[in-house]
Amino acid sequence: TAVVEMDENSGLLLLELNPPNPWDSDPRAPEDLAFGEVQVTYLTHACMDLKLGDKRMVFDPWLMGPAFARGWWLLHEPPSDWLERLCRADLIYISHMHSDHLSYPTLQKLSQRRPDVPIYVGDTERPVFWNLKHSGVQLTNINVVPFGAWQQVDKNLRFMILMDGVHPEMDTCIIVEYKEEWKAQFIKTERKKLLNYKAQLVKDLQPRIYCPFAGYFVESHPSDKYIKETNIKNDPTQLNNLIKKNSDVLTWTPRPGATLDLGRMLKDPTDSKGIVEPPEGTKIYKDSWDFQPYLDTLHAAVGDEIFLHPSWIKEYFTWAGFKNYNLVVRMIETDEDFSPFPGGYDYLVDFLDLSFPEERPSREHPYEEIRSRVDVIRHVVKNGLLWDDLYIGFQTRLQRDPDIYHHLFWNHFQIKLPLTPPNWKSFLMHCG
């Protein structure tokens, strides 16, 4: 970080600031770990269960239902005792608000058994639990903590939540320190960044053990067959081989229910008890998903009374609050196959003055055509949800002219929408 200051002669001075790393504050003397004292069990996707002495931490529990409307489904079958594991957690860390990390179906199930489970999130620009009230999930012990400050759990265990380097406005990562200054730093990066970048990160950070996780999802709904076949995921084995080639770091490609004993692995990486795999015959990959209840919820929005009144369009985009930007968007409601939905809406939005013209304006303007599956777009509109459900959930098809990504537009609809949904009750009263 650089700052400009005045020097003695009223000239300008450029100073480079090198603030100390927050995790270097209050250092502790390392201690050895006993076997069995620190154990890391992989559950699924980005979800880990950590045993740290007599405390248990769980990260990012997405263990049932879809993420991003109906676009992502779990690749792995979580261990059958996943709910018990969540219920006995001393604390749960949720890195950010995306539904593959903050899963309301999972938390709904947990809250029925243990609504007071302590949940920790970072103090991000958009609150992680911005949609809690609307979700109907009853959780009574959510802790929003500042970045870069140690949270002491007991005499041996503390953790620190840090702002993410890729998405600082919404994402976070965590450092967990138990006794011997073991730092588990989980850094999420875009899948599109080269495997070599991740290998370089490992080289720079010099961890003793590296475990790639998160990204274990599948587009399993039949209507997303095309996406499933074309959206090739990074292969963790490939990444681990690359790391092995460039360094001495131990790598672990986890399977659901597999447990790594940190004390054993640090003492002797060849110890056969260092990693305990799930019992033989344990189901690793999912082969069926409970689509229907989630599709029913989405489909319920299609016939909502709001959409009988074309003025919902103006109401919605006025609520969204994005304007004074030279972009014209054509929104087309479609069926499963992205063909226009019979009786669906097809309209233009001019974001320069937030108008809804019949045809494209004559001035020079970038243009974007967004085809959205009718059930998902109406569910998003009705509930005031972020457009991640559409965009990351593969529920849209986009065409741009020219082919430029409009960061301000997408950033607004993916992060900056109002925290409370549109007032459709008042809208319907005025329509009546």
Protein backbone atom coordinates (compact mmCIF):
# COMPACT_ATOMS: atom_id res chain seq x y z
CA THR A 1 0.00 0.00 0.00
CA ALA A 2 1.34 3.45 -0.86
CA VAL A 3 0.31 6.79 0.71
CA VAL A 4 1.20 10.36 -0.20
CA GLU A 5 2.39 12.69 2.61
CA MET A 6 3.79 16.23 2.79
CA ASP A 7 7.51 16.54 3.48
CA GLU A 8 9.19 19.36 5.47
CA ASN A 9 9.35 21.65 2.41
CA SER A 10 5.64 21.17 1.60
CA GLY A 11 6.63 18.82 -1.19
CA LEU A 12 4.98 15.47 -1.77
CA LEU A 13 6.47 12.25 -0.44
CA LEU A 14 5.46 8.77 -1.53
CA LEU A 15 5.60 6.31 1.38
CA GLU A 16 5.21 2.58 1.05
CA LEU A 17 3.39 1.01 3.97
CA ASN A 18 4.25 -2.53 4.97
CA PRO A 19 1.85 -3.28 7.79
CA PRO A 20 2.71 -6.36 9.84
CA ASN A 21 0.72 -9.50 9.11
CA PRO A 22 -2.10 -9.64 11.67
CA TRP A 23 -1.42 -13.33 12.33
CA ASP A 24 2.11 -12.50 13.48
CA SER A 25 0.71 -10.62 16.46
CA ASP A 26 0.88 -12.32 19.85
CA PRO A 27 3.09 -15.26 18.72
CA ARG A 28 3.07 -18.52 20.69
CA ALA A 29 5.83 -21.01 21.36
CA PRO A 30 5.22 -24.21 19.35
CA GLU A 31 4.23 -27.41 21.15
CA ASP A 32 4.18 -30.97 19.87
CA LEU A 33 0.90 -32.61 18.98
CA ALA A 34 -0.10 -35.98 20.42
CA PHE A 35 -1.46 -38.59 18.04
CA GLY A 36 -5.22 -38.15 17.69
CA GLU A 37 -5.14 -34.62 19.13
CA VAL A 38 -5.80 -32.77 15.85
CA GLN A 39 -7.85 -34.60 13.25
CA VAL A 40 -9.28 -33.23 10.01
CA THR A 41 -12.24 -35.09 8.51
CA TYR A 42 -13.45 -34.18 5.04
CA LEU A 43 -17.25 -34.22 4.67
CA THR A 44 -18.00 -32.84 1.19
CA HIS A 45 -17.30 -29.87 -1.13
CA ALA A 46 -15.87 -27.12 1.16
CA CYS A 47 -16.96 -28.78 4.41
CA MET A 48 -14.36 -30.01 6.89
CA ASP A 49 -14.81 -31.25 10.46
CA LEU A 50 -11.80 -30.37 12.64
CA LYS A 51 -11.12 -31.98 16.01
CA LEU A 52 -8.72 -29.70 17.90
CA GLY A 53 -8.08 -31.11 21.37
CA ASP A 54 -11.52 -31.35 22.94
CA LYS A 55 -13.06 -28.77 20.58
CA ARG A 56 -14.69 -29.32 17.21
CA MET A 57 -14.93 -26.83 14.33
CA VAL A 58 -16.87 -27.30 11.10
CA PHE A 59 -16.29 -25.21 7.97
CA ASP A 60 -18.87 -24.27 5.31
CA PRO A 61 -21.54 -26.96 5.79
CA TRP A 62 -23.35 -27.61 2.49
CA LEU A 63 -24.52 -31.18 3.03
CA MET A 64 -27.95 -31.37 1.42
CA GLY A 65 -30.02 -29.72 -1.29
CA PRO A 66 -28.72 -27.67 -4.22
CA ALA A 67 -26.66 -24.50 -4.39
CA PHE A 68 -27.29 -21.59 -6.76
CA ALA A 69 -31.02 -22.24 -7.24
CA ARG A 70 -30.83 -25.66 -8.89
CA GLY A 71 -27.52 -25.42 -10.73
CA TRP A 72 -25.08 -27.16 -8.37
CA TRP A 73 -25.61 -30.46 -6.57
CA LEU A 74 -23.23 -32.35 -4.30
CA LEU A 75 -20.79 -34.63 -6.07
CA HIS A 76 -19.90 -36.62 -2.95
CA GLU A 77 -22.17 -38.55 -0.62
CA PRO A 78 -21.50 -36.96 2.80
CA PRO A 79 -20.83 -39.37 5.71
CA SER A 80 -24.11 -40.68 7.11
CA ASP A 81 -23.43 -39.03 10.49
CA TRP A 82 -23.02 -35.52 9.06
CA LEU A 83 -25.92 -34.05 11.04
CA GLU A 84 -24.58 -35.47 14.33
CA ARG A 85 -21.20 -33.94 13.49
CA LEU A 86 -22.80 -30.52 12.95
CA CYS A 87 -24.83 -30.81 16.14
CA ARG A 88 -21.76 -31.53 18.27
CA ALA A 89 -19.65 -28.73 16.76
CA ASP A 90 -18.35 -26.14 19.22
CA LEU A 91 -18.31 -23.63 16.42
CA ILE A 92 -19.09 -23.41 12.71
CA TYR A 93 -17.21 -21.06 10.36
CA ILE A 94 -18.96 -19.90 7.19
CA SER A 95 -16.62 -18.20 4.75
CA HIS A 96 -19.16 -16.29 2.66
CA MET A 97 -22.77 -16.03 1.54
CA HIS A 98 -22.68 -18.19 -1.62
CA SER A 99 -25.08 -21.09 -1.24
CA ASP A 100 -22.40 -23.76 -1.67
CA HIS A 101 -20.90 -22.43 1.60
CA LEU A 102 -23.94 -20.94 3.35
CA SER A 103 -26.55 -23.62 2.70
CA TYR A 104 -29.95 -22.73 4.14
CA PRO A 105 -31.38 -26.27 3.58
CA THR A 106 -28.46 -27.67 5.65
CA LEU A 107 -28.78 -25.00 8.35
CA GLN A 108 -32.56 -25.52 8.48
CA LYS A 109 -31.96 -29.18 9.35
CA LEU A 110 -29.30 -28.23 11.92
CA SER A 111 -31.46 -25.50 13.51
CA GLN A 112 -34.25 -27.98 14.23
CA ARG A 113 -31.82 -29.89 16.45
CA ARG A 114 -29.46 -27.18 17.69
CA PRO A 115 -30.48 -23.57 16.92
CA ASP A 116 -27.88 -22.20 19.37
CA VAL A 117 -24.81 -23.66 17.65
CA PRO A 118 -22.17 -20.87 17.57
CA ILE A 119 -21.62 -19.70 13.97
CA TYR A 120 -18.78 -17.34 13.07
CA VAL A 121 -18.55 -15.14 9.96
CA GLY A 122 -16.36 -12.21 8.91
CA ASP A 123 -17.58 -8.61 8.93
CA THR A 124 -17.99 -8.40 5.14
CA GLU A 125 -19.45 -5.44 3.23
CA ARG A 126 -22.63 -7.38 2.51
CA PRO A 127 -23.50 -9.34 5.68
CA VAL A 128 -23.10 -13.09 5.20
CA PHE A 129 -26.52 -13.72 6.77
CA TRP A 130 -28.28 -10.82 4.99
CA ASN A 131 -31.13 -13.18 4.00
CA LEU A 132 -31.54 -15.06 7.30
CA LYS A 133 -34.93 -13.58 8.25
CA HIS A 134 -36.39 -14.24 4.81
CA SER A 135 -35.04 -17.82 4.85
CA GLY A 136 -37.10 -18.74 7.92
CA VAL A 137 -34.12 -20.57 9.48
CA GLN A 138 -33.98 -20.07 13.26
CA LEU A 139 -30.37 -19.60 14.37
CA THR A 140 -29.72 -17.77 17.61
CA ASN A 141 -25.93 -17.59 17.94
CA ILE A 142 -24.40 -15.89 14.87
CA ASN A 143 -21.15 -14.02 15.62
CA VAL A 144 -19.83 -11.42 13.17
CA VAL A 145 -16.15 -10.87 13.92
CA PRO A 146 -13.69 -8.21 12.71
CA PHE A 147 -10.94 -9.16 10.28
CA GLY A 148 -7.42 -9.80 11.50
CA ALA A 149 -8.20 -10.31 15.19
CA TRP A 150 -7.54 -13.52 17.11
CA GLN A 151 -10.68 -15.20 18.49
CA GLN A 152 -9.67 -17.22 21.54
CA VAL A 153 -11.67 -20.47 21.90
CA ASP A 154 -9.68 -22.06 24.75
CA LYS A 155 -6.09 -21.92 26.02
CA ASN A 156 -4.80 -23.96 23.05
CA LEU A 157 -7.14 -22.91 20.24
CA ARG A 158 -7.67 -19.61 18.49
CA PHE A 159 -8.62 -18.55 14.98
CA MET A 160 -8.55 -15.44 12.83
CA ILE A 161 -10.82 -14.55 9.92
CA LEU A 162 -9.16 -12.66 7.08
CA MET A 163 -10.51 -10.79 4.09
CA ASP A 164 -10.19 -12.82 0.90
CA GLY A 165 -7.64 -11.62 -1.65
CA VAL A 166 -9.82 -12.37 -4.70
CA HIS A 167 -13.26 -11.16 -3.53
CA PRO A 168 -12.59 -8.84 -0.55
CA GLU A 169 -16.14 -7.45 -0.50
CA MET A 170 -17.76 -10.79 0.27
CA ASP A 171 -15.32 -13.66 0.74
CA THR A 172 -13.09 -14.59 3.67
CA CYS A 173 -10.50 -17.14 4.69
CA ILE A 174 -9.47 -18.45 8.09
CA ILE A 175 -6.29 -19.19 10.01
CA VAL A 176 -6.70 -21.76 12.76
CA GLU A 177 -3.95 -21.99 15.35
CA TYR A 178 -3.78 -24.89 17.78
CA LYS A 179 -0.79 -25.26 20.10
CA GLU A 180 2.12 -25.61 17.75
CA GLU A 181 1.22 -22.75 15.46
CA TRP A 182 -0.40 -24.97 12.87
CA LYS A 183 -1.85 -22.60 10.33
CA ALA A 184 -4.61 -24.03 8.19
CA GLN A 185 -5.08 -21.22 5.71
CA PHE A 186 -7.83 -21.96 3.24
CA ILE A 187 -7.58 -19.70 0.27
CA LYS A 188 -10.30 -19.87 -2.36
CA THR A 189 -9.27 -19.00 -5.91
CA GLU A 190 -11.08 -19.00 -9.23
CA ARG A 191 -11.12 -22.37 -10.96
CA LYS A 192 -10.07 -20.71 -14.21
CA LYS A 193 -6.74 -19.61 -12.72
CA LEU A 194 -4.12 -22.08 -13.84
CA LEU A 195 -3.17 -25.07 -11.76
CA ASN A 196 0.33 -23.62 -11.88
CA TYR A 197 -0.88 -20.57 -9.95
CA LYS A 198 -2.11 -22.80 -7.13
CA ALA A 199 1.10 -24.80 -7.22
CA GLN A 200 3.03 -21.50 -6.95
CA LEU A 201 0.85 -20.48 -3.98
CA VAL A 202 1.78 -23.69 -2.19
CA LYS A 203 5.44 -23.06 -2.98
CA ASP A 204 5.21 -19.54 -1.53
CA LEU A 205 3.22 -20.48 1.59
CA GLN A 206 5.30 -23.60 2.32
CA PRO A 207 2.62 -25.55 4.22
CA ARG A 208 3.58 -28.99 5.50
CA ILE A 209 0.39 -30.52 4.10
CA TYR A 210 -1.84 -29.26 1.27
CA CYS A 211 -5.40 -30.39 0.62
CA PRO A 212 -7.38 -29.07 -2.35
CA PHE A 213 -11.08 -29.00 -1.51
CA ALA A 214 -14.23 -27.09 -2.51
CA GLY A 215 -15.32 -27.46 -6.10
CA TYR A 216 -16.78 -30.93 -5.62
CA PHE A 217 -20.14 -30.26 -7.20
CA VAL A 218 -21.96 -31.58 -10.24
CA GLU A 219 -24.64 -30.18 -12.55
CA SER A 220 -26.74 -33.27 -12.02
CA HIS A 221 -30.20 -32.06 -13.03
CA PRO A 222 -31.02 -33.59 -16.45
CA SER A 223 -31.77 -30.17 -17.98
CA ASP A 224 -28.14 -29.16 -17.31
CA LYS A 225 -26.61 -32.09 -19.20
CA TYR A 226 -24.86 -29.74 -21.65
CA ILE A 227 -23.21 -27.73 -18.86
CA LYS A 228 -22.21 -30.91 -17.02
CA GLU A 229 -20.44 -32.22 -20.11
CA THR A 230 -18.68 -28.95 -20.97
CA ASN A 231 -17.83 -27.52 -17.53
CA ILE A 232 -14.73 -29.61 -16.88
CA LYS A 233 -13.50 -29.20 -13.29
CA ASN A 234 -9.87 -29.02 -12.19
CA ASP A 235 -8.71 -32.46 -11.11
CA PRO A 236 -7.32 -32.44 -7.54
CA THR A 237 -5.03 -35.38 -8.33
CA GLN A 238 -3.53 -33.44 -11.24
CA LEU A 239 -2.93 -30.44 -8.97
CA ASN A 240 -1.41 -32.60 -6.25
CA ASN A 241 0.95 -34.25 -8.75
CA LEU A 242 2.07 -30.81 -9.91
CA ILE A 243 2.77 -29.77 -6.31
CA LYS A 244 4.70 -33.00 -5.61
CA LYS A 245 6.84 -32.33 -8.67
CA ASN A 246 7.77 -28.83 -7.46
CA SER A 247 8.09 -29.27 -3.70
CA ASP A 248 8.25 -31.63 -0.73
CA VAL A 249 4.78 -30.65 0.48
CA LEU A 250 2.55 -33.58 1.42
CA THR A 251 -0.75 -33.60 -0.47
CA TRP A 252 -4.10 -35.13 0.42
CA THR A 253 -7.01 -35.66 -1.96
CA PRO A 254 -9.80 -36.29 0.53
CA ARG A 255 -12.75 -38.65 0.26
CA PRO A 256 -15.93 -38.08 2.32
CA GLY A 257 -15.38 -39.39 5.85
CA ALA A 258 -11.59 -39.70 5.47
CA THR A 259 -9.66 -38.36 8.49
CA LEU A 260 -6.13 -36.96 8.60
CA ASP A 261 -4.32 -37.12 11.96
CA LEU A 262 -2.08 -34.09 11.95
CA GLY A 263 0.20 -35.22 14.81
CA ARG A 264 1.00 -38.48 13.04
CA MET A 265 1.50 -36.91 9.61
CA LEU A 266 3.85 -34.21 10.90
CA LYS A 267 5.93 -36.79 12.82
CA ASP A 268 6.04 -39.41 10.06
CA PRO A 269 4.36 -38.76 6.69
CA THR A 270 4.66 -42.46 5.84
CA ASP A 271 2.65 -43.55 8.93
CA SER A 272 -0.14 -45.75 7.56
CA LYS A 273 -2.46 -44.50 10.33
CA GLY A 274 -1.87 -40.86 9.35
CA ILE A 275 -4.86 -40.91 7.03
CA VAL A 276 -7.80 -43.17 7.80
CA GLU A 277 -9.95 -43.79 4.74
CA PRO A 278 -13.70 -44.44 5.06
CA PRO A 279 -14.61 -48.12 5.53
CA GLU A 280 -14.50 -50.29 2.42
CA GLY A 281 -17.77 -50.19 0.51
CA THR A 282 -18.62 -46.66 1.71
CA LYS A 283 -20.45 -44.74 -1.00
CA ILE A 284 -18.19 -41.94 -2.19
CA TYR A 285 -20.13 -40.39 -5.07
CA LYS A 286 -23.79 -39.47 -5.14
CA ASP A 287 -25.90 -41.18 -7.78
CA SER A 288 -29.28 -39.65 -6.92
CA TRP A 289 -30.45 -36.22 -5.77
CA ASP A 290 -33.73 -35.13 -4.25
CA PHE A 291 -34.62 -32.60 -6.97
CA GLN A 292 -38.37 -32.30 -6.52
CA PRO A 293 -38.89 -30.25 -3.32
CA TYR A 294 -36.42 -27.63 -4.53
CA LEU A 295 -37.85 -27.50 -8.05
CA ASP A 296 -41.35 -27.17 -6.55
CA THR A 297 -40.24 -24.13 -4.55
CA LEU A 298 -38.82 -22.50 -7.67
CA HIS A 299 -41.83 -23.41 -9.79
CA ALA A 300 -44.22 -21.90 -7.24
CA ALA A 301 -42.93 -18.44 -8.22
CA VAL A 302 -43.97 -18.83 -11.87
CA GLY A 303 -47.70 -18.39 -11.17
CA ASP A 304 -47.28 -15.68 -8.53
CA GLU A 305 -49.80 -12.84 -8.72
CA ILE A 306 -46.99 -10.28 -9.12
CA PHE A 307 -46.33 -11.46 -12.65
CA LEU A 308 -49.92 -10.82 -13.80
CA HIS A 309 -48.99 -7.11 -13.82
CA PRO A 310 -46.36 -6.03 -16.40
CA SER A 311 -45.46 -3.09 -14.14
CA TRP A 312 -43.54 -5.58 -11.92
CA ILE A 313 -40.61 -4.94 -14.27
CA LYS A 314 -40.34 -1.24 -13.43
CA GLU A 315 -41.00 -1.98 -9.74
CA TYR A 316 -38.23 -4.58 -9.59
CA PHE A 317 -35.49 -2.66 -11.41
CA THR A 318 -36.29 0.55 -9.52
CA TRP A 319 -35.89 -1.45 -6.30
CA ALA A 320 -32.60 -2.92 -7.60
CA GLY A 321 -31.25 0.62 -7.92
CA PHE A 322 -28.75 0.20 -10.76
CA LYS A 323 -28.71 3.12 -13.25
CA ASN A 324 -26.64 5.90 -14.89
CA TYR A 325 -24.66 3.25 -16.78
CA ASN A 326 -24.67 3.01 -20.57
CA LEU A 327 -25.96 -0.54 -21.04
CA VAL A 328 -29.13 -1.90 -22.61
CA VAL A 329 -30.22 -5.37 -21.54
CA ARG A 330 -32.86 -7.55 -23.12
CA MET A 331 -34.37 -9.99 -20.62
CA ILE A 332 -36.12 -13.06 -22.03
CA GLU A 333 -37.94 -15.59 -19.86
CA THR A 334 -37.43 -19.11 -21.20
CA ASP A 335 -38.31 -22.75 -20.72
CA GLU A 336 -35.80 -25.44 -19.63
CA ASP A 337 -34.09 -25.36 -23.04
CA PHE A 338 -33.69 -21.58 -23.14
CA SER A 339 -36.41 -21.13 -25.76
CA PRO A 340 -38.87 -18.28 -25.10
CA PHE A 341 -41.44 -19.30 -22.48
CA PRO A 342 -45.00 -19.19 -23.88
CA GLY A 343 -46.63 -16.11 -22.37
CA GLY A 344 -43.34 -15.14 -20.72
CA TYR A 345 -41.89 -11.65 -20.55
CA ASP A 346 -39.42 -10.33 -23.12
CA TYR A 347 -38.41 -6.73 -22.46
CA LEU A 348 -35.62 -4.15 -22.65
CA VAL A 349 -34.03 -2.26 -19.77
CA ASP A 350 -31.97 0.85 -20.55
CA PHE A 351 -29.77 1.37 -17.52
CA LEU A 352 -28.64 4.84 -18.60
CA ASP A 353 -31.92 6.37 -17.41
CA LEU A 354 -33.61 3.21 -16.11
CA SER A 355 -36.28 3.20 -18.78
CA PHE A 356 -38.02 0.27 -20.49
CA PRO A 357 -38.13 1.13 -24.20
CA GLU A 358 -40.00 -0.82 -26.85
CA GLU A 359 -36.87 -0.96 -29.01
CA ARG A 360 -33.14 -0.38 -28.67
CA PRO A 361 -32.22 3.35 -28.44
CA SER A 362 -30.50 5.00 -31.39
CA ARG A 363 -27.43 6.16 -29.40
CA GLU A 364 -24.23 4.10 -29.21
CA HIS A 365 -24.66 1.53 -26.44
CA PRO A 366 -23.35 -1.85 -25.33
CA TYR A 367 -26.06 -4.49 -25.46
CA GLU A 368 -26.56 -7.70 -23.53
CA GLU A 369 -29.20 -10.38 -24.03
CA ILE A 370 -30.01 -12.50 -20.97
CA ARG A 371 -32.17 -15.58 -21.40
CA SER A 372 -33.27 -16.94 -18.00
CA ARG A 373 -35.27 -20.00 -17.05
CA VAL A 374 -38.63 -18.63 -15.98
CA ASP A 375 -38.87 -20.47 -12.66
CA VAL A 376 -35.47 -19.26 -11.44
CA ILE A 377 -35.71 -15.63 -12.61
CA ARG A 378 -39.19 -15.26 -11.07
CA HIS A 379 -38.04 -16.88 -7.82
CA VAL A 380 -35.08 -14.46 -7.71
CA VAL A 381 -37.28 -11.43 -8.51
CA LYS A 382 -40.02 -12.34 -6.05
CA ASN A 383 -37.60 -12.94 -3.15
CA GLY A 384 -35.12 -10.16 -3.91
CA LEU A 385 -32.27 -12.66 -4.25
CA LEU A 386 -28.83 -12.06 -5.72
CA TRP A 387 -28.27 -12.97 -9.36
CA ASP A 388 -25.67 -15.59 -8.43
CA ASP A 389 -28.54 -18.07 -8.55
CA LEU A 390 -28.91 -17.22 -12.24
CA TYR A 391 -25.31 -16.63 -13.21
CA ILE A 392 -23.23 -19.08 -11.19
CA GLY A 393 -26.12 -21.56 -11.22
CA PHE A 394 -26.05 -21.78 -15.06
CA GLN A 395 -29.70 -20.74 -15.31
CA THR A 396 -28.99 -18.12 -17.99
CA ARG A 397 -27.55 -17.89 -21.47
CA LEU A 398 -25.83 -14.62 -22.33
CA GLN A 399 -24.98 -12.80 -25.53
CA ARG A 400 -23.03 -9.55 -25.49
CA ASP A 401 -22.46 -6.98 -28.21
CA PRO A 402 -19.64 -6.07 -28.01
CA ASP A 403 -18.40 -9.06 -26.04
CA ILE A 404 -17.36 -7.12 -22.93
CA TYR A 405 -18.02 -8.16 -19.33
CA HIS A 406 -19.85 -5.34 -17.55
CA HIS A 407 -18.36 -5.65 -14.09
CA LEU A 408 -20.35 -2.78 -12.53
CA PHE A 409 -23.65 -4.25 -13.72
CA TRP A 410 -22.95 -7.81 -12.58
CA ASN A 411 -21.28 -6.70 -9.35
CA HIS A 412 -24.40 -4.73 -8.46
CA PHE A 413 -26.78 -7.60 -9.10
CA GLN A 414 -24.48 -10.18 -7.48
CA ILE A 415 -23.47 -8.21 -4.36
CA LYS A 416 -25.07 -4.77 -4.02
CA LEU A 417 -28.83 -5.36 -4.27
CA PRO A 418 -30.85 -3.99 -1.32
CA LEU A 419 -30.80 -6.14 1.81
CA THR A 420 -34.60 -6.35 1.98
CA PRO A 421 -36.73 -7.75 -0.87
CA PRO A 422 -39.12 -5.60 -2.93
CA ASN A 423 -42.38 -4.70 -1.18
CA TRP A 424 -44.67 -6.77 -3.41
CA LYS A 425 -47.55 -6.49 -0.94
CA SER A 426 -47.65 -2.72 -1.41
CA PHE A 427 -47.15 -3.16 -5.17
CA LEU A 428 -50.18 -5.46 -5.45
CA MET A 429 -52.33 -3.09 -3.39
CA HIS A 430 -51.53 -0.27 -5.82
CA CYS A 431 -52.17 -2.54 -8.81
CA GLY A 432 -55.56 -3.52 -7.32
